[in-house]
Amino acid sequence: MIKTLPLAQGKALPLHRRPVALLFLMSFAMPLAFATWNALLNNFVVEVAGFTGVEIGWLHTLREIPGFLSFLVIFVLMVMHEQVAALLALATLALATAVTAWFPTIGGIMTVTVISSIGFHYFEAVNQSLQLQWLTKDEAPKVLGLLVGAGSAASLISYGVLMVTFDALGLSYNIVYLVSGGLSLIIVIYCALAFPRFQAAEPQLKGFVLRRRYWLYYALQFMAGARRQIFVVFAAFMMVERFGFAVHEVTGLFLINFLANMLFAPLMGGVLARFGERRVLMAEYLGLIGVFLAYGGVYWMGWGVIVAATLYVIDHMLFGLAFALKTYFQKIADPQDIAPTAAVAFTINHIAAVFLPAALGYLWVVNPSSVFLLAAGMATCSLVLALLIPRHPLKGRETVLSGRVPVATAAE
């Protein structure tokens, strides 16, 4: 029988059974399945089902519906321990990834994608909650950076093996999906059996939490979700459609991405701890404005594949700084709000994702540059919002517009 331990006791266990070890294993298992699915997706749907920008837009719109409905995880948490819910969602993602190639039609691909998306988005919502509950405010910036690095390492291994073996061994999509999903599932089973259930000190509220004082966090989440859709859907699709990238070339590009992030994210954790969320997020958004404008230049000026690939790597590195939003919320939130707010924030993050990919898919076939110009505008809005983050955010000092916090309150 799996024991339930208070979090403080869990942190005294041997290192390989502590809460942070579980966070690292889950952070490794998720991209092992998802990164492989993502690396093959554009080639798979073009070669097998003849997708154009319209179909890929609709695919990602359907994929984001579970993200928009992430708030429903609150009902799951009413009857299920958060740790169990995270592992169950991760198992769903792994299984759906494993059988992706069994359904090579437009309808089949979209159905399996929605199922895997339920696992992915529910896992991410609950995992974010566990991270912020299990890590102290002092250790969160550096550990979150290391967790991003661990996920990048899993993707690096997955993509490295894929790049070297896919063409050389004549692997099929079915074999690759089965292996990656299966390995992820094995890790999930190990996590379910090897770790006790950890109980955080602060019981989480059972219900919806939508507080006025979190408005800036909600706004930043909304803009991040809208902006990220353009990167996820169209940046990689551009490499296949415009430059004719094969599977091993797309995988090689992703390999470089995750090698850079594996080194960059832990470093940025230290930078975040030193300079704070305001400066880190401002740097991210300034960089993204430049990248998206340059993406447009790939079409306007006819810049070549090297420029496009370099921009893609920089883009991916900048999006890796998104964990600064997590630590910003951790600093301003009531501890019991973390789980329900994580679910609500995930829904807010996906509001634009429900309609944006499909709508922009139609714009893409007319004028691809306009899609990236729109993304640059979104990054500019995010930059303006980031200016409202205080240098030292905390409860009662959520934005620079908030009143000053009494010393006694700040000490709490």
Protein backbone atom coordinates (compact mmCIF):
# COMPACT_ATOMS: atom_id res chain seq x y z
CA MET A 1 0.00 0.00 0.00
CA ILE A 2 1.31 3.46 -0.93
CA LYS A 3 1.95 5.59 2.15
CA THR A 4 1.02 9.25 2.49
CA LEU A 5 3.74 11.34 4.12
CA PRO A 6 3.82 14.98 5.17
CA LEU A 7 6.04 16.95 2.83
CA ALA A 8 8.55 17.72 5.61
CA GLN A 9 9.07 14.01 6.25
CA GLY A 10 9.34 13.35 2.53
CA LYS A 11 12.23 15.80 2.27
CA ALA A 12 14.11 13.73 4.87
CA LEU A 13 13.93 10.54 2.79
CA PRO A 14 16.92 9.29 0.76
CA LEU A 15 17.55 11.58 -2.19
CA HIS A 16 16.11 9.20 -4.80
CA ARG A 17 12.75 9.07 -2.95
CA ARG A 18 12.33 12.75 -2.09
CA PRO A 19 9.66 14.98 -3.65
CA VAL A 20 12.21 16.79 -5.79
CA ALA A 21 13.34 13.46 -7.28
CA LEU A 22 9.77 12.74 -8.30
CA LEU A 23 9.51 16.18 -9.90
CA PHE A 24 12.66 15.49 -11.92
CA LEU A 25 11.45 12.07 -13.08
CA MET A 26 8.10 13.47 -14.19
CA SER A 27 9.85 16.38 -15.91
CA PHE A 28 11.95 13.80 -17.77
CA ALA A 29 9.09 11.43 -18.67
CA MET A 30 6.74 14.05 -20.11
CA PRO A 31 8.99 15.35 -22.94
CA LEU A 32 10.19 11.83 -23.69
CA ALA A 33 6.70 11.22 -25.10
CA PHE A 34 5.64 14.72 -26.08
CA ALA A 35 8.90 15.82 -27.69
CA THR A 36 8.97 12.75 -29.94
CA TRP A 37 5.36 13.32 -30.95
CA ASN A 38 6.14 16.96 -31.67
CA ALA A 39 9.32 16.23 -33.62
CA LEU A 40 7.56 13.86 -36.01
CA LEU A 41 4.22 15.65 -36.18
CA ASN A 42 4.70 17.97 -39.15
CA ASN A 43 6.33 15.33 -41.33
CA PHE A 44 3.81 12.69 -40.23
CA VAL A 45 0.71 14.74 -41.02
CA VAL A 46 2.08 16.05 -44.33
CA GLU A 47 3.31 12.69 -45.59
CA VAL A 48 0.52 10.48 -44.26
CA ALA A 49 -2.56 12.71 -44.38
CA GLY A 50 -1.58 15.54 -46.75
CA PHE A 51 -2.06 18.37 -44.25
CA THR A 52 -1.79 22.02 -45.35
CA GLY A 53 -1.71 25.12 -43.14
CA VAL A 54 -5.50 24.89 -42.77
CA GLU A 55 -5.49 21.31 -41.38
CA ILE A 56 -2.49 21.91 -39.13
CA GLY A 57 -4.27 24.98 -37.74
CA TRP A 58 -7.40 22.98 -36.99
CA LEU A 59 -5.35 20.16 -35.45
CA HIS A 60 -3.74 22.54 -32.99
CA THR A 61 -7.05 24.24 -32.25
CA LEU A 62 -8.54 20.86 -31.29
CA ARG A 63 -5.41 20.03 -29.34
CA GLU A 64 -5.78 23.18 -27.26
CA ILE A 65 -9.41 22.57 -26.25
CA PRO A 66 -8.33 20.35 -23.30
CA GLY A 67 -5.96 23.14 -22.31
CA PHE A 68 -8.85 25.59 -22.32
CA LEU A 69 -10.80 23.12 -20.15
CA SER A 70 -7.92 22.64 -17.70
CA PHE A 71 -10.00 24.24 -14.95
CA LEU A 72 -11.97 20.97 -14.85
CA VAL A 73 -8.96 19.37 -13.16
CA ILE A 74 -10.29 21.07 -10.03
CA PHE A 75 -13.10 18.48 -9.98
CA VAL A 76 -10.56 15.68 -10.39
CA LEU A 77 -8.63 16.99 -7.39
CA MET A 78 -11.77 16.88 -5.28
CA VAL A 79 -11.68 13.08 -5.45
CA MET A 80 -8.04 12.32 -6.21
CA HIS A 81 -4.66 13.17 -4.68
CA GLU A 82 -2.75 15.67 -6.82
CA GLN A 83 0.24 13.37 -7.18
CA VAL A 84 -1.98 10.51 -8.40
CA ALA A 85 -3.74 12.85 -10.85
CA ALA A 86 -0.40 13.99 -12.27
CA LEU A 87 0.78 10.43 -12.87
CA LEU A 88 -2.55 9.36 -14.37
CA ALA A 89 -2.48 12.30 -16.79
CA LEU A 90 1.13 11.53 -17.71
CA ALA A 91 0.20 7.89 -18.39
CA THR A 92 -2.59 9.08 -20.71
CA LEU A 93 -0.10 11.17 -22.69
CA ALA A 94 2.34 8.26 -22.92
CA LEU A 95 -0.28 5.79 -24.13
CA ALA A 96 -1.72 8.17 -26.72
CA THR A 97 1.75 8.89 -28.06
CA ALA A 98 2.49 5.18 -28.35
CA VAL A 99 -0.52 4.52 -30.62
CA THR A 100 -0.40 7.71 -32.72
CA ALA A 101 0.68 5.98 -35.94
CA TRP A 102 -2.16 3.46 -35.66
CA PHE A 103 -4.60 6.14 -36.84
CA PRO A 104 -3.12 7.65 -40.07
CA THR A 105 -6.24 9.52 -41.23
CA ILE A 106 -7.20 13.13 -40.57
CA GLY A 107 -9.96 12.03 -38.18
CA GLY A 108 -7.75 9.48 -36.46
CA ILE A 109 -4.85 11.89 -36.01
CA MET A 110 -7.13 14.54 -34.55
CA THR A 111 -8.80 12.08 -32.15
CA VAL A 112 -5.53 10.69 -30.77
CA THR A 113 -4.14 14.21 -30.55
CA VAL A 114 -7.05 15.33 -28.37
CA ILE A 115 -6.58 12.33 -26.04
CA SER A 116 -2.85 12.97 -25.69
CA SER A 117 -3.64 16.65 -25.14
CA ILE A 118 -5.90 15.82 -22.21
CA GLY A 119 -3.01 13.97 -20.59
CA PHE A 120 -0.49 16.70 -21.41
CA HIS A 121 -2.51 19.68 -20.24
CA TYR A 122 -3.90 18.09 -17.09
CA PHE A 123 -0.41 16.92 -16.18
CA GLU A 124 1.06 20.37 -16.73
CA ALA A 125 -1.64 22.04 -14.63
CA VAL A 126 -1.17 19.66 -11.69
CA ASN A 127 2.62 19.48 -12.06
CA GLN A 128 2.89 23.26 -11.86
CA SER A 129 0.86 23.17 -8.66
CA LEU A 130 3.08 20.46 -7.15
CA GLN A 131 6.25 22.36 -8.04
CA LEU A 132 5.09 25.54 -6.32
CA GLN A 133 3.84 23.65 -3.26
CA TRP A 134 6.88 21.41 -2.84
CA LEU A 135 9.59 24.03 -3.49
CA THR A 136 10.30 26.96 -1.18
CA LYS A 137 10.33 30.48 -2.60
CA ASP A 138 14.11 30.63 -2.17
CA GLU A 139 14.86 27.39 -4.00
CA ALA A 140 12.14 27.63 -6.67
CA PRO A 141 13.99 29.79 -9.27
CA LYS A 142 17.06 27.56 -9.42
CA VAL A 143 15.23 24.24 -9.11
CA LEU A 144 12.65 25.22 -11.73
CA GLY A 145 15.51 26.08 -14.06
CA LEU A 146 17.03 22.65 -13.40
CA LEU A 147 13.65 20.99 -14.05
CA VAL A 148 13.45 22.74 -17.42
CA GLY A 149 16.98 21.50 -18.05
CA ALA A 150 15.94 17.94 -17.16
CA GLY A 151 13.05 18.12 -19.61
CA SER A 152 15.41 19.43 -22.25
CA ALA A 153 17.80 16.55 -21.54
CA ALA A 154 14.98 14.05 -22.13
CA SER A 155 14.11 15.77 -25.38
CA LEU A 156 17.79 15.86 -26.32
CA ILE A 157 18.12 12.11 -25.85
CA SER A 158 14.89 11.44 -27.73
CA TYR A 159 15.77 13.70 -30.65
CA GLY A 160 19.39 12.58 -30.76
CA VAL A 161 18.43 8.93 -31.10
CA LEU A 162 15.72 9.85 -33.60
CA MET A 163 18.05 11.92 -35.78
CA VAL A 164 20.74 9.23 -35.89
CA THR A 165 18.49 6.21 -36.38
CA PHE A 166 15.33 7.28 -38.25
CA ASP A 167 16.81 7.26 -41.76
CA ALA A 168 19.83 5.05 -41.06
CA LEU A 169 17.71 2.18 -39.72
CA GLY A 170 14.65 2.91 -41.84
CA LEU A 171 12.46 3.31 -38.76
CA SER A 172 8.74 3.74 -39.20
CA TYR A 173 6.62 6.33 -37.43
CA ASN A 174 4.89 3.47 -35.61
CA ILE A 175 8.11 2.09 -34.08
CA VAL A 176 9.28 5.49 -32.89
CA TYR A 177 5.94 6.41 -31.32
CA LEU A 178 5.63 3.02 -29.62
CA VAL A 179 9.13 3.18 -28.12
CA SER A 180 8.95 6.76 -26.88
CA GLY A 181 5.45 6.39 -25.42
CA GLY A 182 6.36 3.03 -23.88
CA LEU A 183 9.49 4.33 -22.16
CA SER A 184 7.56 7.28 -20.76
CA LEU A 185 4.91 4.88 -19.42
CA ILE A 186 7.58 2.74 -17.72
CA ILE A 187 8.85 5.81 -15.85
CA VAL A 188 5.29 6.67 -14.79
CA ILE A 189 4.76 3.15 -13.41
CA TYR A 190 8.03 3.38 -11.48
CA CYS A 191 7.03 6.76 -10.02
CA ALA A 192 3.66 5.35 -8.94
CA LEU A 193 5.29 2.42 -7.13
CA ALA A 194 8.52 3.90 -5.76
CA PHE A 195 7.34 7.14 -4.14
CA PRO A 196 4.97 7.76 -1.22
CA ARG A 197 2.24 10.31 -1.64
CA PHE A 198 3.51 13.64 -0.36
CA GLN A 199 1.09 15.89 1.51
CA ALA A 200 1.90 19.61 1.42
CA ALA A 201 1.65 21.59 4.65
CA GLU A 202 -1.04 23.93 3.29
CA PRO A 203 -4.32 22.19 2.30
CA GLN A 204 -5.47 23.40 -1.11
CA LEU A 205 -8.85 25.04 -1.64
CA LYS A 206 -11.35 22.75 -3.32
CA GLY A 207 -13.06 24.97 -5.87
CA PHE A 208 -12.50 27.79 -8.32
CA VAL A 209 -10.21 30.64 -7.36
CA LEU A 210 -10.32 33.84 -9.39
CA ARG A 211 -8.97 36.78 -7.41
CA ARG A 212 -8.80 40.39 -8.51
CA ARG A 213 -5.33 40.87 -7.09
CA TYR A 214 -3.96 38.17 -9.45
CA TRP A 215 -5.11 40.11 -12.52
CA LEU A 216 -1.61 40.82 -13.85
CA TYR A 217 -0.67 37.14 -13.61
CA TYR A 218 -3.83 36.23 -15.52
CA ALA A 219 -3.09 38.83 -18.21
CA LEU A 220 0.48 37.62 -18.66
CA GLN A 221 -0.76 34.05 -18.91
CA PHE A 222 -3.29 35.00 -21.57
CA MET A 223 -0.69 36.77 -23.70
CA ALA A 224 1.83 33.98 -23.24
CA GLY A 225 -0.70 31.41 -24.44
CA ALA A 226 -1.71 33.42 -27.49
CA ARG A 227 1.88 34.17 -28.46
CA ARG A 228 3.12 30.65 -27.90
CA GLN A 229 0.55 29.21 -30.31
CA ILE A 230 2.20 30.99 -33.21
CA PHE A 231 5.57 29.55 -32.28
CA VAL A 232 4.31 26.02 -31.64
CA VAL A 233 2.07 25.80 -34.70
CA PHE A 234 3.73 27.84 -37.41
CA ALA A 235 7.46 28.20 -36.69
CA ALA A 236 8.18 24.47 -37.09
CA PHE A 237 5.60 24.11 -39.86
CA MET A 238 7.48 26.81 -41.78
CA MET A 239 10.64 24.71 -41.70
CA VAL A 240 8.83 21.77 -43.34
CA GLU A 241 6.56 23.65 -45.75
CA ARG A 242 8.92 26.40 -46.94
CA PHE A 243 12.32 24.75 -46.63
CA GLY A 244 11.35 21.09 -47.12
CA PHE A 245 12.93 19.80 -43.92
CA ALA A 246 12.95 16.00 -43.63
CA VAL A 247 12.40 14.15 -40.33
CA HIS A 248 16.09 13.96 -39.45
CA GLU A 249 16.54 17.67 -40.24
CA VAL A 250 13.57 18.75 -38.10
CA THR A 251 14.83 16.46 -35.35
CA GLY A 252 18.33 17.91 -35.63
CA LEU A 253 16.91 21.41 -35.21
CA PHE A 254 14.98 20.32 -32.12
CA LEU A 255 18.14 18.62 -30.86
CA ILE A 256 20.00 21.91 -30.98
CA ASN A 257 17.04 23.59 -29.25
CA PHE A 258 17.09 21.29 -26.29
CA LEU A 259 20.87 21.17 -25.99
CA ALA A 260 20.79 24.96 -25.74
CA ASN A 261 17.93 24.89 -23.23
CA MET A 262 19.58 22.17 -21.14
CA LEU A 263 22.50 24.56 -20.61
CA PHE A 264 20.56 27.83 -20.71
CA ALA A 265 17.62 27.12 -18.38
CA PRO A 266 19.60 26.25 -15.20
CA LEU A 267 21.75 29.34 -15.80
CA MET A 268 18.62 31.45 -16.15
CA GLY A 269 17.35 30.02 -12.86
CA GLY A 270 20.31 31.70 -11.17
CA VAL A 271 19.75 34.91 -13.13
CA LEU A 272 16.09 34.89 -12.07
CA ALA A 273 17.05 34.47 -8.43
CA ARG A 274 19.41 37.43 -8.69
CA PHE A 275 17.52 39.91 -10.90
CA GLY A 276 13.88 38.99 -10.34
CA GLU A 277 10.90 38.22 -12.51
CA ARG A 278 10.41 41.73 -13.89
CA ARG A 279 13.79 41.97 -15.59
CA VAL A 280 13.85 38.37 -16.80
CA LEU A 281 10.40 38.60 -18.38
CA MET A 282 11.22 41.96 -19.96
CA ALA A 283 14.33 40.42 -21.51
CA GLU A 284 12.26 37.49 -22.81
CA TYR A 285 9.63 39.72 -24.42
CA LEU A 286 12.16 42.10 -25.98
CA GLY A 287 13.94 39.12 -27.49
CA LEU A 288 10.69 37.65 -28.81
CA ILE A 289 9.73 40.92 -30.50
CA GLY A 290 12.99 40.83 -32.43
CA VAL A 291 12.67 37.15 -33.29
CA PHE A 292 9.11 37.39 -34.61
CA LEU A 293 9.94 40.44 -36.72
CA ALA A 294 12.90 38.53 -38.12
CA TYR A 295 10.65 35.55 -38.90
CA GLY A 296 8.65 37.92 -41.06
CA GLY A 297 11.91 38.85 -42.77
CA VAL A 298 12.34 35.24 -43.84
CA TYR A 299 9.34 35.83 -46.13
CA TRP A 300 9.74 39.54 -46.90
CA MET A 301 13.44 39.48 -47.71
CA GLY A 302 13.84 35.86 -48.78
CA TRP A 303 16.30 35.07 -45.96
CA GLY A 304 17.51 31.51 -46.12
CA VAL A 305 17.21 28.37 -44.05
CA ILE A 306 20.20 29.15 -41.81
CA VAL A 307 18.61 32.38 -40.61
CA ALA A 308 15.25 30.68 -40.07
CA ALA A 309 16.82 27.80 -38.13
CA THR A 310 18.85 30.19 -35.95
CA LEU A 311 15.75 32.20 -35.14
CA TYR A 312 13.91 29.03 -34.21
CA VAL A 313 16.60 28.06 -31.69
CA ILE A 314 16.67 31.55 -30.14
CA ASP A 315 12.86 31.55 -30.02
CA HIS A 316 12.80 28.25 -28.15
CA MET A 317 15.41 29.45 -25.64
CA LEU A 318 13.44 32.60 -24.89
CA PHE A 319 10.24 30.65 -24.29
CA GLY A 320 12.20 28.60 -21.76
CA LEU A 321 12.18 31.66 -19.49
CA ALA A 322 8.45 31.23 -18.90
CA PHE A 323 9.11 29.64 -15.50
CA ALA A 324 9.61 33.21 -14.23
CA LEU A 325 5.81 33.50 -14.36
CA LYS A 326 5.56 30.56 -11.94
CA THR A 327 7.84 32.16 -9.37
CA TYR A 328 6.03 35.50 -9.73
CA PHE A 329 2.76 33.82 -8.85
CA GLN A 330 4.34 31.83 -6.00
CA LYS A 331 5.46 35.10 -4.41
CA ILE A 332 2.09 36.85 -4.59
CA ALA A 333 -0.24 33.90 -3.90
CA ASP A 334 -1.90 32.59 -0.78
CA PRO A 335 -0.43 29.06 -0.34
CA GLN A 336 -3.88 27.41 -0.42
CA ASP A 337 -4.63 29.08 -3.78
CA ILE A 338 -1.84 27.38 -5.71
CA ALA A 339 -3.63 24.24 -6.99
CA PRO A 340 -6.95 25.84 -8.04
CA THR A 341 -5.23 28.90 -9.50
CA ALA A 342 -2.82 26.73 -11.51
CA ALA A 343 -5.83 25.08 -13.15
CA VAL A 344 -7.61 28.38 -13.81
CA ALA A 345 -4.41 29.99 -15.14
CA PHE A 346 -3.92 27.09 -17.54
CA THR A 347 -7.40 27.72 -18.90
CA ILE A 348 -6.66 31.44 -19.29
CA ASN A 349 -3.40 30.54 -21.04
CA HIS A 350 -5.41 28.54 -23.59
CA ILE A 351 -8.29 30.92 -24.31
CA ALA A 352 -6.69 32.20 -27.51
CA ALA A 353 -5.38 28.73 -28.33
CA VAL A 354 -8.90 27.47 -29.02
CA PHE A 355 -9.49 29.77 -32.00
CA LEU A 356 -6.11 31.28 -32.92
CA PRO A 357 -4.41 28.33 -34.73
CA ALA A 358 -7.42 27.67 -36.98
CA ALA A 359 -7.94 31.36 -37.75
CA LEU A 360 -4.27 31.96 -38.44
CA GLY A 361 -4.13 28.82 -40.57
CA TYR A 362 -6.29 30.65 -43.13
CA LEU A 363 -4.15 33.79 -42.84
CA TRP A 364 -1.02 31.66 -43.26
CA VAL A 365 -2.01 30.41 -46.73
CA VAL A 366 -2.53 34.04 -47.82
CA ASN A 367 0.35 35.90 -46.08
CA PRO A 368 2.65 34.00 -43.64
CA SER A 369 4.51 37.19 -42.68
CA SER A 370 1.34 38.63 -41.18
CA VAL A 371 1.18 35.75 -38.71
CA PHE A 372 4.60 36.62 -37.33
CA LEU A 373 3.83 40.35 -37.26
CA LEU A 374 0.83 39.55 -35.09
CA ALA A 375 3.09 37.56 -32.76
CA ALA A 376 5.47 40.52 -32.46
CA GLY A 377 2.51 42.69 -31.46
CA MET A 378 1.56 40.16 -28.79
CA ALA A 379 5.11 40.16 -27.43
CA THR A 380 4.95 43.97 -27.26
CA CYS A 381 1.76 43.76 -25.18
CA SER A 382 3.49 41.29 -22.86
CA LEU A 383 6.42 43.66 -22.46
CA VAL A 384 4.09 46.48 -21.39
CA LEU A 385 2.46 44.18 -18.83
CA ALA A 386 5.84 43.05 -17.50
CA LEU A 387 6.66 46.67 -16.67
CA LEU A 388 3.91 46.46 -14.02
CA ILE A 389 5.65 43.67 -12.08
CA PRO A 390 7.33 45.03 -8.92
CA ARG A 391 11.04 44.45 -8.38
CA HIS A 392 10.13 42.42 -5.28
CA PRO A 393 6.58 41.08 -5.72
CA LEU A 394 4.71 39.65 -2.73
CA LYS A 395 1.21 39.37 -1.36
CA GLY A 396 -0.25 42.87 -1.26
CA ARG A 397 2.38 44.10 -3.71
CA GLU A 398 1.30 42.21 -6.81
CA THR A 399 1.86 45.13 -9.23
CA VAL A 400 3.60 48.49 -9.19
CA LEU A 401 0.10 49.98 -9.00
CA SER A 402 -0.54 48.31 -5.64
CA GLY A 403 -0.16 50.28 -2.45
CA ARG A 404 2.93 49.87 -0.33
CA VAL A 405 2.93 46.81 1.93
CA PRO A 406 3.40 47.40 5.64
CA VAL A 407 6.70 46.03 6.97
CA ALA A 408 4.92 43.50 9.20
CA THR A 409 2.95 42.14 6.25
CA ALA A 410 6.04 41.88 4.05
CA ALA A 411 7.81 39.93 6.76
CA GLU A 412 4.97 37.40 6.78
